[in-house]
Amino acid sequence: MNEKILVIDDEEDILKLLSSALGSEGYEVVTAIDGQEGVERFHETEPDLIVTDVKMPRKDGLQLLKEIKDAGSTNVDVIILTGHSDEATAIDCLRNGAYDYLVKPLEDIDVLLAAVERSLQKRNLEIKNRRLMKQLEEMAIRDPLTGLYNFRHLQTCLDEEVIRSKRYGHTFCTLMLDIDRFKAVNDKYGHLFGDHVLKKLSEISGRSTRSADRIFRYGGEEFIVIMPETSREEAVSAAERLMEAVRSHAFECDGYETKITVSMGGSLFPDQSEDKIELIRLADKALYRAKESGRDRAVFGDGELG
């Protein structure tokens, strides 16, 4: 057990009592003598839980709670300690996001320890659930073989890029690429080798493009790259770099080795279209022309070689 608990109380005896009790349970304890110091210690130490008195100098428990919640710290629960006369304030704390409140004097320290344990268990469960949800969301938008974004997420990203580029007056390029003679690779070396080529091509594409560019598996051996804020000249240069990176790589797996090339077709926003479906169609037509004109080359929607 190594959870960190911040204890805030202006009464030294209570501070020592709570620190000793929590420390004996294996928690790491950080202390503060008033609300202002408590806020400072919170930002310094990033605790997993806060146990704080309500009435304190400089900044009371309710002010401290609001400041922590306003900072977006939803992962940290706050347990309020209050006297009998302050129960209305404690209830106000609950309305503002406190996890629980306990009335002082604490005649049975086990009540506090039980509240602390419940709070931390809830927090850990929430963190696990958020992590699981994030993994599920990633699975919904990722291609399982290559790890690239999938066709479904492509539609969302294109919508976002069209809106963003219209708003700021930017250009962008939609680049579609296809592995040349991929069927022959599968027929000669087998589908496991073909899967290796797809995965390795994904890695090469990631290394050969900018961090701002987003790569998608469009289907089969076809990929799409969205290149924000990219002119035609910049897109041509990027396509040439990527083709050369693929061309020069030796694909090796299970004792087999081969080299491949890719053909590319690009379309430009807004010069050629402001519609995402039309941009994909133009890139696909340009890719077809690249194949027809000899492969291992890039063609853009205007019909010219890159």
C-alpha atoms as a PDB file:
ATOM      1  CA  MET A   1       0.000   0.000   0.000  1.00  0.00           C
ATOM      2  CA  ASN A   2       1.650   3.267  -1.054  1.00  0.00           C
ATOM      3  CA  GLU A   3      -1.225   5.708  -1.575  1.00  0.00           C
ATOM      4  CA  LYS A   4      -0.384   9.265  -0.598  1.00  0.00           C
ATOM      5  CA  ILE A   5      -2.776  11.117   1.738  1.00  0.00           C
ATOM      6  CA  LEU A   6      -2.653  14.850   2.439  1.00  0.00           C
ATOM      7  CA  VAL A   7      -3.882  15.671   5.964  1.00  0.00           C
ATOM      8  CA  ILE A   8      -4.763  19.307   6.695  1.00  0.00           C
ATOM      9  CA  ASP A   9      -5.647  20.568  10.162  1.00  0.00           C
ATOM     10  CA  ASP A  10      -4.627  23.604  12.199  1.00  0.00           C
ATOM     11  CA  GLU A  11      -4.726  21.632  15.472  1.00  0.00           C
ATOM     12  CA  GLU A  12      -1.305  20.070  15.960  1.00  0.00           C
ATOM     13  CA  ASP A  13      -2.531  17.226  18.197  1.00  0.00           C
ATOM     14  CA  ILE A  14      -5.134  16.116  15.644  1.00  0.00           C
ATOM     15  CA  LEU A  15      -2.613  16.406  12.846  1.00  0.00           C
ATOM     16  CA  LYS A  16      -0.206  14.120  14.699  1.00  0.00           C
ATOM     17  CA  LEU A  17      -2.972  11.656  15.603  1.00  0.00           C
ATOM     18  CA  LEU A  18      -4.221  11.340  12.027  1.00  0.00           C
ATOM     19  CA  SER A  19      -0.701  11.137  10.597  1.00  0.00           C
ATOM     20  CA  SER A  20       0.233   8.368  13.028  1.00  0.00           C
ATOM     21  CA  ALA A  21      -2.961   6.372  12.415  1.00  0.00           C
ATOM     22  CA  LEU A  22      -2.736   6.602   8.625  1.00  0.00           C
ATOM     23  CA  GLY A  23       1.003   5.992   8.607  1.00  0.00           C
ATOM     24  CA  SER A  24       0.570   2.810  10.656  1.00  0.00           C
ATOM     25  CA  GLU A  25      -1.788   1.532   7.952  1.00  0.00           C
ATOM     26  CA  GLY A  26       0.960   1.885   5.356  1.00  0.00           C
ATOM     27  CA  TYR A  27      -0.133   5.131   3.750  1.00  0.00           C
ATOM     28  CA  GLU A  28       2.345   7.853   2.834  1.00  0.00           C
ATOM     29  CA  VAL A  29       1.213  10.926   4.782  1.00  0.00           C
ATOM     30  CA  VAL A  30       1.810  14.578   3.873  1.00  0.00           C
ATOM     31  CA  THR A  31       0.630  17.315   6.281  1.00  0.00           C
ATOM     32  CA  ALA A  32      -0.339  20.979   6.184  1.00  0.00           C
ATOM     33  CA  ILE A  33      -1.339  23.308   9.013  1.00  0.00           C
ATOM     34  CA  ASP A  34      -4.002  25.373   7.181  1.00  0.00           C
ATOM     35  CA  GLY A  35      -5.954  25.557   3.939  1.00  0.00           C
ATOM     36  CA  GLN A  36      -3.483  27.793   2.123  1.00  0.00           C
ATOM     37  CA  GLU A  37      -0.555  25.512   2.877  1.00  0.00           C
ATOM     38  CA  GLY A  38      -2.818  22.588   2.022  1.00  0.00           C
ATOM     39  CA  VAL A  39      -3.379  23.915  -1.508  1.00  0.00           C
ATOM     40  CA  GLU A  40       0.357  24.432  -1.933  1.00  0.00           C
ATOM     41  CA  ARG A  41       1.157  20.932  -0.682  1.00  0.00           C
ATOM     42  CA  PHE A  42      -1.549  19.505  -2.925  1.00  0.00           C
ATOM     43  CA  HIS A  43       0.097  20.936  -6.053  1.00  0.00           C
ATOM     44  CA  GLU A  44       3.567  19.908  -4.833  1.00  0.00           C
ATOM     45  CA  THR A  45       2.807  16.311  -3.870  1.00  0.00           C
ATOM     46  CA  GLU A  46      -0.231  15.268  -5.984  1.00  0.00           C
ATOM     47  CA  PRO A  47      -1.873  13.125  -3.268  1.00  0.00           C
ATOM     48  CA  ASP A  48      -4.388  10.324  -3.849  1.00  0.00           C
ATOM     49  CA  LEU A  49      -6.716  11.571  -1.094  1.00  0.00           C
ATOM     50  CA  ILE A  50      -7.180  14.658   1.085  1.00  0.00           C
ATOM     51  CA  VAL A  51      -8.420  14.658   4.685  1.00  0.00           C
ATOM     52  CA  THR A  52      -9.068  18.212   5.824  1.00  0.00           C
ATOM     53  CA  ASP A  53     -10.634  20.182   8.632  1.00  0.00           C
ATOM     54  CA  VAL A  54     -13.356  22.713   7.759  1.00  0.00           C
ATOM     55  CA  LYS A  55     -12.488  25.630  10.028  1.00  0.00           C
ATOM     56  CA  MET A  56      -8.924  26.765   9.427  1.00  0.00           C
ATOM     57  CA  PRO A  57      -7.072  30.085   9.127  1.00  0.00           C
ATOM     58  CA  ARG A  58      -6.175  31.706   5.781  1.00  0.00           C
ATOM     59  CA  LYS A  59      -8.330  29.283   3.779  1.00  0.00           C
ATOM     60  CA  ASP A  60     -11.093  27.025   5.101  1.00  0.00           C
ATOM     61  CA  GLY A  61     -11.969  23.518   3.955  1.00  0.00           C
ATOM     62  CA  LEU A  62     -14.753  24.630   1.612  1.00  0.00           C
ATOM     63  CA  GLN A  63     -12.504  27.153  -0.148  1.00  0.00           C
ATOM     64  CA  LEU A  64      -9.789  24.523  -0.453  1.00  0.00           C
ATOM     65  CA  LEU A  65     -12.260  22.014  -1.897  1.00  0.00           C
ATOM     66  CA  LYS A  66     -13.568  24.479  -4.490  1.00  0.00           C
ATOM     67  CA  GLU A  67     -10.049  25.462  -5.536  1.00  0.00           C
ATOM     68  CA  ILE A  68      -9.015  21.845  -6.016  1.00  0.00           C
ATOM     69  CA  LYS A  69     -12.145  20.988  -7.998  1.00  0.00           C
ATOM     70  CA  ASP A  70     -11.838  24.164 -10.099  1.00  0.00           C
ATOM     71  CA  ALA A  71      -8.309  23.042 -11.003  1.00  0.00           C
ATOM     72  CA  GLY A  72      -9.872  19.965 -12.634  1.00  0.00           C
ATOM     73  CA  SER A  73      -8.601  17.508 -10.021  1.00  0.00           C
ATOM     74  CA  THR A  74     -11.429  14.983 -10.344  1.00  0.00           C
ATOM     75  CA  ASN A  75      -9.198  12.032  -9.409  1.00  0.00           C
ATOM     76  CA  VAL A  76      -8.717  13.188  -5.806  1.00  0.00           C
ATOM     77  CA  ASP A  77     -11.413  12.673  -3.182  1.00  0.00           C
ATOM     78  CA  VAL A  78     -11.725  14.954  -0.160  1.00  0.00           C
ATOM     79  CA  ILE A  79     -12.911  13.796   3.269  1.00  0.00           C
ATOM     80  CA  ILE A  80     -14.063  16.662   5.481  1.00  0.00           C
ATOM     81  CA  LEU A  81     -13.570  16.803   9.266  1.00  0.00           C
ATOM     82  CA  THR A  82     -16.035  19.021  11.063  1.00  0.00           C
ATOM     83  CA  GLY A  83     -17.380  19.849  14.507  1.00  0.00           C
ATOM     84  CA  HIS A  84     -21.035  19.354  15.407  1.00  0.00           C
ATOM     85  CA  SER A  85     -21.759  23.043  14.869  1.00  0.00           C
ATOM     86  CA  ASP A  86     -20.281  22.930  11.380  1.00  0.00           C
ATOM     87  CA  GLU A  87     -22.424  20.160   9.911  1.00  0.00           C
ATOM     88  CA  ALA A  88     -24.255  22.620   7.621  1.00  0.00           C
ATOM     89  CA  THR A  89     -20.880  23.636   6.202  1.00  0.00           C
ATOM     90  CA  ALA A  90     -19.921  19.992   5.794  1.00  0.00           C
ATOM     91  CA  ILE A  91     -23.102  19.347   3.825  1.00  0.00           C
ATOM     92  CA  ASP A  92     -22.212  22.328   1.659  1.00  0.00           C
ATOM     93  CA  CYS A  93     -18.857  20.626   1.072  1.00  0.00           C
ATOM     94  CA  LEU A  94     -20.638  17.470  -0.074  1.00  0.00           C
ATOM     95  CA  ARG A  95     -22.624  19.547  -2.565  1.00  0.00           C
ATOM     96  CA  ASN A  96     -19.322  20.895  -3.880  1.00  0.00           C
ATOM     97  CA  GLY A  97     -17.798  17.476  -4.450  1.00  0.00           C
ATOM     98  CA  ALA A  98     -16.470  16.188  -1.126  1.00  0.00           C
ATOM     99  CA  TYR A  99     -16.547  12.397  -0.787  1.00  0.00           C
ATOM    100  CA  ASP A 100     -17.613  12.217   2.865  1.00  0.00           C
ATOM    101  CA  TYR A 101     -17.518  14.085   6.158  1.00  0.00           C
ATOM    102  CA  LEU A 102     -16.757  12.938   9.696  1.00  0.00           C
ATOM    103  CA  VAL A 103     -17.673  14.737  12.905  1.00  0.00           C
ATOM    104  CA  LYS A 104     -14.940  15.632  15.418  1.00  0.00           C
ATOM    105  CA  PRO A 105     -13.851  14.585  17.902  1.00  0.00           C
ATOM    106  CA  LEU A 106     -13.105  11.250  16.255  1.00  0.00           C
ATOM    107  CA  GLU A 107     -13.884   8.846  19.067  1.00  0.00           C
ATOM    108  CA  ASP A 108     -13.182   5.796  16.886  1.00  0.00           C
ATOM    109  CA  ILE A 109     -10.268   6.213  14.490  1.00  0.00           C
ATOM    110  CA  ASP A 110     -11.401   3.056  12.660  1.00  0.00           C
ATOM    111  CA  VAL A 111     -14.317   5.056  11.255  1.00  0.00           C
ATOM    112  CA  LEU A 112     -11.839   7.361   9.536  1.00  0.00           C
ATOM    113  CA  LEU A 113      -9.694   4.470   8.323  1.00  0.00           C
ATOM    114  CA  ALA A 114     -12.761   2.768   6.857  1.00  0.00           C
ATOM    115  CA  ALA A 115     -13.781   5.974   5.035  1.00  0.00           C
ATOM    116  CA  VAL A 116     -10.241   6.366   3.699  1.00  0.00           C
ATOM    117  CA  GLU A 117     -10.181   2.772   2.446  1.00  0.00           C
ATOM    118  CA  ARG A 118     -13.578   3.130   0.730  1.00  0.00           C
ATOM    119  CA  SER A 119     -12.519   6.346  -0.953  1.00  0.00           C
ATOM    120  CA  LEU A 120      -9.258   4.924  -2.263  1.00  0.00           C
ATOM    121  CA  GLN A 121     -10.967   1.745  -3.481  1.00  0.00           C
ATOM    122  CA  LYS A 122     -13.495   3.872  -5.368  1.00  0.00           C
ATOM    123  CA  ARG A 123     -10.703   5.992  -6.841  1.00  0.00           C
ATOM    124  CA  ASN A 124      -8.713   2.966  -8.001  1.00  0.00           C
ATOM    125  CA  LEU A 125     -11.818   1.452  -9.588  1.00  0.00           C
ATOM    126  CA  GLU A 126     -12.580   4.701 -11.414  1.00  0.00           C
ATOM    127  CA  ILE A 127      -9.007   4.908 -12.713  1.00  0.00           C
ATOM    128  CA  LYS A 128      -9.166   1.304 -13.949  1.00  0.00           C
ATOM    129  CA  ASN A 129     -12.525   1.962 -15.618  1.00  0.00           C
ATOM    130  CA  ARG A 130     -11.203   5.065 -17.360  1.00  0.00           C
ATOM    131  CA  ARG A 131      -8.145   3.135 -18.541  1.00  0.00           C
ATOM    132  CA  LEU A 132     -10.374   0.353 -19.841  1.00  0.00           C
ATOM    133  CA  MET A 133     -12.665   2.831 -21.609  1.00  0.00           C
ATOM    134  CA  LYS A 134      -9.661   4.456 -23.244  1.00  0.00           C
ATOM    135  CA  GLN A 135      -8.439   1.047 -24.444  1.00  0.00           C
ATOM    136  CA  LEU A 136     -11.891   0.238 -25.834  1.00  0.00           C
ATOM    137  CA  GLU A 137     -12.048   3.607 -27.585  1.00  0.00           C
ATOM    138  CA  GLU A 138      -8.625   2.980 -29.107  1.00  0.00           C
ATOM    139  CA  MET A 139      -9.703  -0.472 -30.275  1.00  0.00           C
ATOM    140  CA  ALA A 140     -12.744   1.076 -31.962  1.00  0.00           C
ATOM    141  CA  ILE A 141     -10.617   3.423 -34.080  1.00  0.00           C
ATOM    142  CA  ARG A 142      -7.506   1.286 -34.688  1.00  0.00           C
ATOM    143  CA  ASP A 143      -6.801  -1.375 -37.275  1.00  0.00           C
ATOM    144  CA  PRO A 144      -5.899  -4.541 -35.308  1.00  0.00           C
ATOM    145  CA  LEU A 145      -3.132  -5.665 -37.684  1.00  0.00           C
ATOM    146  CA  THR A 146      -1.173  -2.454 -38.271  1.00  0.00           C
ATOM    147  CA  GLY A 147      -2.218  -0.367 -35.280  1.00  0.00           C
ATOM    148  CA  LEU A 148      -3.036   2.505 -37.640  1.00  0.00           C
ATOM    149  CA  TYR A 149      -6.299   4.424 -37.522  1.00  0.00           C
ATOM    150  CA  ASN A 150      -9.106   2.620 -39.349  1.00  0.00           C
ATOM    151  CA  PHE A 151     -11.626   3.608 -42.030  1.00  0.00           C
ATOM    152  CA  ARG A 152     -14.200   4.620 -39.436  1.00  0.00           C
ATOM    153  CA  HIS A 153     -11.859   7.107 -37.777  1.00  0.00           C
ATOM    154  CA  LEU A 154     -10.761   8.409 -41.178  1.00  0.00           C
ATOM    155  CA  GLN A 155     -14.257   9.782 -41.753  1.00  0.00           C
ATOM    156  CA  THR A 156     -14.199  11.638 -38.434  1.00  0.00           C
ATOM    157  CA  CYS A 157     -10.712  13.047 -38.979  1.00  0.00           C
ATOM    158  CA  LEU A 158     -11.497  14.217 -42.507  1.00  0.00           C
ATOM    159  CA  ASP A 159     -14.593  16.025 -41.237  1.00  0.00           C
ATOM    160  CA  GLU A 160     -12.484  17.714 -38.552  1.00  0.00           C
ATOM    161  CA  GLU A 161      -9.718  18.653 -40.974  1.00  0.00           C
ATOM    162  CA  VAL A 162     -12.133  20.134 -43.511  1.00  0.00           C
ATOM    163  CA  ILE A 163     -13.762  22.263 -40.800  1.00  0.00           C
ATOM    164  CA  ARG A 164     -10.413  23.347 -39.332  1.00  0.00           C
ATOM    165  CA  SER A 165      -8.871  24.185 -42.710  1.00  0.00           C
ATOM    166  CA  LYS A 166     -11.925  26.197 -43.783  1.00  0.00           C
ATOM    167  CA  ARG A 167     -11.861  28.126 -40.535  1.00  0.00           C
ATOM    168  CA  TYR A 168      -8.183  29.057 -40.696  1.00  0.00           C
ATOM    169  CA  GLY A 169      -7.760  29.195 -44.475  1.00  0.00           C
ATOM    170  CA  HIS A 170      -5.303  26.288 -44.592  1.00  0.00           C
ATOM    171  CA  THR A 171      -4.598  23.778 -47.337  1.00  0.00           C
ATOM    172  CA  PHE A 172      -4.197  20.052 -46.762  1.00  0.00           C
ATOM    173  CA  CYS A 173      -3.432  16.968 -48.808  1.00  0.00           C
ATOM    174  CA  THR A 174      -5.159  13.588 -48.817  1.00  0.00           C
ATOM    175  CA  LEU A 175      -2.592  11.031 -49.965  1.00  0.00           C
ATOM    176  CA  MET A 176      -3.656   7.503 -50.873  1.00  0.00           C
ATOM    177  CA  LEU A 177      -1.010   4.798 -51.294  1.00  0.00           C
ATOM    178  CA  ASP A 178      -1.154   1.210 -52.441  1.00  0.00           C
ATOM    179  CA  ILE A 179       1.442  -1.563 -52.403  1.00  0.00           C
ATOM    180  CA  ASP A 180       2.453  -2.472 -55.943  1.00  0.00           C
ATOM    181  CA  ARG A 181       1.774  -6.094 -56.938  1.00  0.00           C
ATOM    182  CA  PHE A 182       0.849  -7.055 -53.385  1.00  0.00           C
ATOM    183  CA  LYS A 183      -1.085 -10.111 -54.552  1.00  0.00           C
ATOM    184  CA  ALA A 184       2.084 -11.495 -56.071  1.00  0.00           C
ATOM    185  CA  VAL A 185       3.862 -11.030 -52.725  1.00  0.00           C
ATOM    186  CA  ASN A 186       1.098 -12.959 -50.944  1.00  0.00           C
ATOM    187  CA  ASP A 187       1.090 -15.694 -53.590  1.00  0.00           C
ATOM    188  CA  LYS A 188       4.864 -16.147 -53.500  1.00  0.00           C
ATOM    189  CA  TYR A 189       5.622 -15.807 -49.780  1.00  0.00           C
ATOM    190  CA  GLY A 190       2.286 -16.464 -48.074  1.00  0.00           C
ATOM    191  CA  HIS A 191      -0.173 -14.334 -46.179  1.00  0.00           C
ATOM    192  CA  LEU A 192       1.891 -14.232 -42.980  1.00  0.00           C
ATOM    193  CA  PHE A 193       4.658 -12.554 -44.938  1.00  0.00           C
ATOM    194  CA  GLY A 194       2.065 -10.251 -46.469  1.00  0.00           C
ATOM    195  CA  ASP A 195       0.880  -9.272 -42.990  1.00  0.00           C
ATOM    196  CA  HIS A 196       4.487  -8.540 -42.047  1.00  0.00           C
ATOM    197  CA  VAL A 197       4.801  -6.244 -45.071  1.00  0.00           C
ATOM    198  CA  LEU A 198       1.649  -4.362 -44.072  1.00  0.00           C
ATOM    199  CA  LYS A 199       2.839  -3.896 -40.495  1.00  0.00           C
ATOM    200  CA  LYS A 200       6.344  -2.864 -41.522  1.00  0.00           C
ATOM    201  CA  LEU A 201       4.994  -0.451 -44.137  1.00  0.00           C
ATOM    202  CA  SER A 202       2.911   1.149 -41.390  1.00  0.00           C
ATOM    203  CA  GLU A 203       6.056   1.680 -39.321  1.00  0.00           C
ATOM    204  CA  ILE A 204       7.973   3.110 -42.280  1.00  0.00           C
ATOM    205  CA  SER A 205       5.112   5.465 -43.073  1.00  0.00           C
ATOM    206  CA  GLY A 206       5.048   6.688 -39.489  1.00  0.00           C
ATOM    207  CA  ARG A 207       8.797   7.388 -39.509  1.00  0.00           C
ATOM    208  CA  SER A 208       8.688   9.082 -42.909  1.00  0.00           C
ATOM    209  CA  THR A 209       5.860  11.511 -42.211  1.00  0.00           C
ATOM    210  CA  ARG A 210       5.423  14.388 -39.788  1.00  0.00           C
ATOM    211  CA  SER A 211       3.969  13.972 -36.318  1.00  0.00           C
ATOM    212  CA  ALA A 212       1.041  16.161 -37.427  1.00  0.00           C
ATOM    213  CA  ASP A 213       0.203  13.791 -40.294  1.00  0.00           C
ATOM    214  CA  ARG A 214      -2.313  11.030 -39.581  1.00  0.00           C
ATOM    215  CA  ILE A 215      -2.100   7.621 -41.251  1.00  0.00           C
ATOM    216  CA  PHE A 216      -5.037   5.264 -41.807  1.00  0.00           C
ATOM    217  CA  ARG A 217      -5.447   1.781 -43.168  1.00  0.00           C
ATOM    218  CA  TYR A 218      -8.079   2.334 -45.825  1.00  0.00           C
ATOM    219  CA  GLY A 219      -8.538  -1.340 -46.629  1.00  0.00           C
ATOM    220  CA  GLY A 220      -6.455  -4.287 -47.837  1.00  0.00           C
ATOM    221  CA  GLU A 221      -3.081  -2.916 -48.920  1.00  0.00           C
ATOM    222  CA  GLU A 222      -4.311   0.675 -49.279  1.00  0.00           C
ATOM    223  CA  PHE A 223      -3.461   3.461 -46.846  1.00  0.00           C
ATOM    224  CA  ILE A 224      -4.414   7.113 -46.551  1.00  0.00           C
ATOM    225  CA  VAL A 225      -2.357   9.936 -45.076  1.00  0.00           C
ATOM    226  CA  ILE A 226      -3.986  13.232 -44.092  1.00  0.00           C
ATOM    227  CA  MET A 227      -1.346  15.959 -44.272  1.00  0.00           C
ATOM    228  CA  PRO A 228      -2.546  19.201 -42.621  1.00  0.00           C
ATOM    229  CA  GLU A 229      -1.312  22.613 -43.760  1.00  0.00           C
ATOM    230  CA  THR A 230       0.454  21.117 -46.760  1.00  0.00           C
ATOM    231  CA  SER A 231       0.892  22.671 -50.191  1.00  0.00           C
ATOM    232  CA  ARG A 232       1.152  20.674 -53.427  1.00  0.00           C
ATOM    233  CA  GLU A 233       4.934  21.118 -53.484  1.00  0.00           C
ATOM    234  CA  GLU A 234       5.255  19.946 -49.893  1.00  0.00           C
ATOM    235  CA  ALA A 235       2.987  16.977 -50.584  1.00  0.00           C
ATOM    236  CA  VAL A 236       5.086  15.978 -53.606  1.00  0.00           C
ATOM    237  CA  SER A 237       8.258  16.157 -51.520  1.00  0.00           C
ATOM    238  CA  ALA A 238       6.673  14.101 -48.729  1.00  0.00           C
ATOM    239  CA  ALA A 239       5.449  11.467 -51.204  1.00  0.00           C
ATOM    240  CA  GLU A 240       8.921  11.154 -52.735  1.00  0.00           C
ATOM    241  CA  ARG A 241      10.515  10.683 -49.290  1.00  0.00           C
ATOM    242  CA  LEU A 242       8.021   8.004 -48.380  1.00  0.00           C
ATOM    243  CA  MET A 243       8.394   6.150 -51.683  1.00  0.00           C
ATOM    244  CA  GLU A 244      12.168   6.164 -51.321  1.00  0.00           C
ATOM    245  CA  ALA A 245      11.966   4.898 -47.735  1.00  0.00           C
ATOM    246  CA  VAL A 246       9.795   1.979 -48.880  1.00  0.00           C
ATOM    247  CA  ARG A 247      11.859   1.347 -51.998  1.00  0.00           C
ATOM    248  CA  SER A 248      15.112   1.065 -50.043  1.00  0.00           C
ATOM    249  CA  HIS A 249      13.796  -1.207 -47.282  1.00  0.00           C
ATOM    250  CA  ALA A 250      14.349  -4.978 -47.381  1.00  0.00           C
ATOM    251  CA  PHE A 251      11.277  -6.753 -45.994  1.00  0.00           C
ATOM    252  CA  GLU A 252      12.385  -9.890 -44.130  1.00  0.00           C
ATOM    253  CA  CYS A 253      10.270 -12.489 -42.333  1.00  0.00           C
ATOM    254  CA  ASP A 254      10.516 -16.262 -41.738  1.00  0.00           C
ATOM    255  CA  GLY A 255      13.585 -16.613 -43.926  1.00  0.00           C
ATOM    256  CA  TYR A 256      12.082 -14.720 -46.865  1.00  0.00           C
ATOM    257  CA  GLU A 257      13.228 -11.345 -48.114  1.00  0.00           C
ATOM    258  CA  THR A 258      11.892  -9.020 -50.772  1.00  0.00           C
ATOM    259  CA  LYS A 259      11.609  -5.392 -51.723  1.00  0.00           C
ATOM    260  CA  ILE A 260       8.412  -3.591 -52.631  1.00  0.00           C
ATOM    261  CA  THR A 261       7.311  -0.281 -54.061  1.00  0.00           C
ATOM    262  CA  VAL A 262       4.199   1.797 -53.539  1.00  0.00           C
ATOM    263  CA  SER A 263       2.116   3.998 -55.814  1.00  0.00           C
ATOM    264  CA  MET A 264       0.406   7.131 -54.568  1.00  0.00           C
ATOM    265  CA  GLY A 265      -2.413   9.438 -55.511  1.00  0.00           C
ATOM    266  CA  GLY A 266      -3.080  12.776 -53.896  1.00  0.00           C
ATOM    267  CA  SER A 267      -5.830  15.362 -53.762  1.00  0.00           C
ATOM    268  CA  LEU A 268      -5.653  18.899 -52.451  1.00  0.00           C
ATOM    269  CA  PHE A 269      -8.021  20.922 -50.273  1.00  0.00           C
ATOM    270  CA  PRO A 270      -9.437  23.408 -51.237  1.00  0.00           C
ATOM    271  CA  ASP A 271      -7.885  23.644 -54.718  1.00  0.00           C
ATOM    272  CA  GLN A 272      -9.531  20.500 -56.043  1.00  0.00           C
ATOM    273  CA  SER A 273     -12.442  20.033 -53.639  1.00  0.00           C
ATOM    274  CA  GLU A 274     -13.806  21.029 -50.230  1.00  0.00           C
ATOM    275  CA  ASP A 275     -15.800  17.812 -49.888  1.00  0.00           C
ATOM    276  CA  LYS A 276     -14.226  14.877 -48.057  1.00  0.00           C
ATOM    277  CA  ILE A 277     -15.836  12.219 -50.268  1.00  0.00           C
ATOM    278  CA  GLU A 278     -14.676  13.991 -53.401  1.00  0.00           C
ATOM    279  CA  LEU A 279     -11.160  14.344 -51.974  1.00  0.00           C
ATOM    280  CA  ILE A 280     -10.970  10.577 -51.446  1.00  0.00           C
ATOM    281  CA  ARG A 281     -12.395   9.943 -54.931  1.00  0.00           C
ATOM    282  CA  LEU A 282      -9.843  12.264 -56.540  1.00  0.00           C
ATOM    283  CA  ALA A 283      -6.977  10.662 -54.603  1.00  0.00           C
ATOM    284  CA  ASP A 284      -8.209   7.213 -55.674  1.00  0.00           C
ATOM    285  CA  LYS A 285      -8.375   8.280 -59.342  1.00  0.00           C
ATOM    286  CA  ALA A 286      -4.879   9.744 -59.096  1.00  0.00           C
ATOM    287  CA  LEU A 287      -3.643   6.496 -57.544  1.00  0.00           C
ATOM    288  CA  TYR A 288      -5.145   4.564 -60.461  1.00  0.00           C
ATOM    289  CA  ARG A 289      -3.262   6.816 -62.900  1.00  0.00           C
ATOM    290  CA  ALA A 290      -0.041   6.213 -60.961  1.00  0.00           C
ATOM    291  CA  LYS A 291      -0.571   2.462 -61.383  1.00  0.00           C
ATOM    292  CA  GLU A 292      -1.398   2.825 -65.072  1.00  0.00           C
ATOM    293  CA  SER A 293       1.665   4.959 -65.749  1.00  0.00           C
ATOM    294  CA  GLY A 294       4.157   2.443 -64.399  1.00  0.00           C
ATOM    295  CA  ARG A 295       3.774   2.224 -60.585  1.00  0.00           C
ATOM    296  CA  ASP A 296       6.306   3.368 -57.973  1.00  0.00           C
ATOM    297  CA  ARG A 297       5.279   6.973 -58.441  1.00  0.00           C
ATOM    298  CA  ALA A 298       2.909   9.649 -57.157  1.00  0.00           C
ATOM    299  CA  VAL A 299       0.174  11.388 -59.143  1.00  0.00           C
ATOM    300  CA  PHE A 300      -2.020  14.185 -57.910  1.00  0.00           C
ATOM    301  CA  GLY A 301      -5.634  14.946 -58.724  1.00  0.00           C
ATOM    302  CA  ASP A 302      -4.707  17.314 -61.529  1.00  0.00           C
ATOM    303  CA  GLY A 303      -3.352  14.364 -63.469  1.00  0.00           C
ATOM    304  CA  GLU A 304       0.299  15.461 -63.295  1.00  0.00           C
ATOM    305  CA  LEU A 305       3.051  13.259 -61.949  1.00  0.00           C
ATOM    306  CA  GLY A 306       4.360  14.295 -58.536  1.00  0.00           C
END
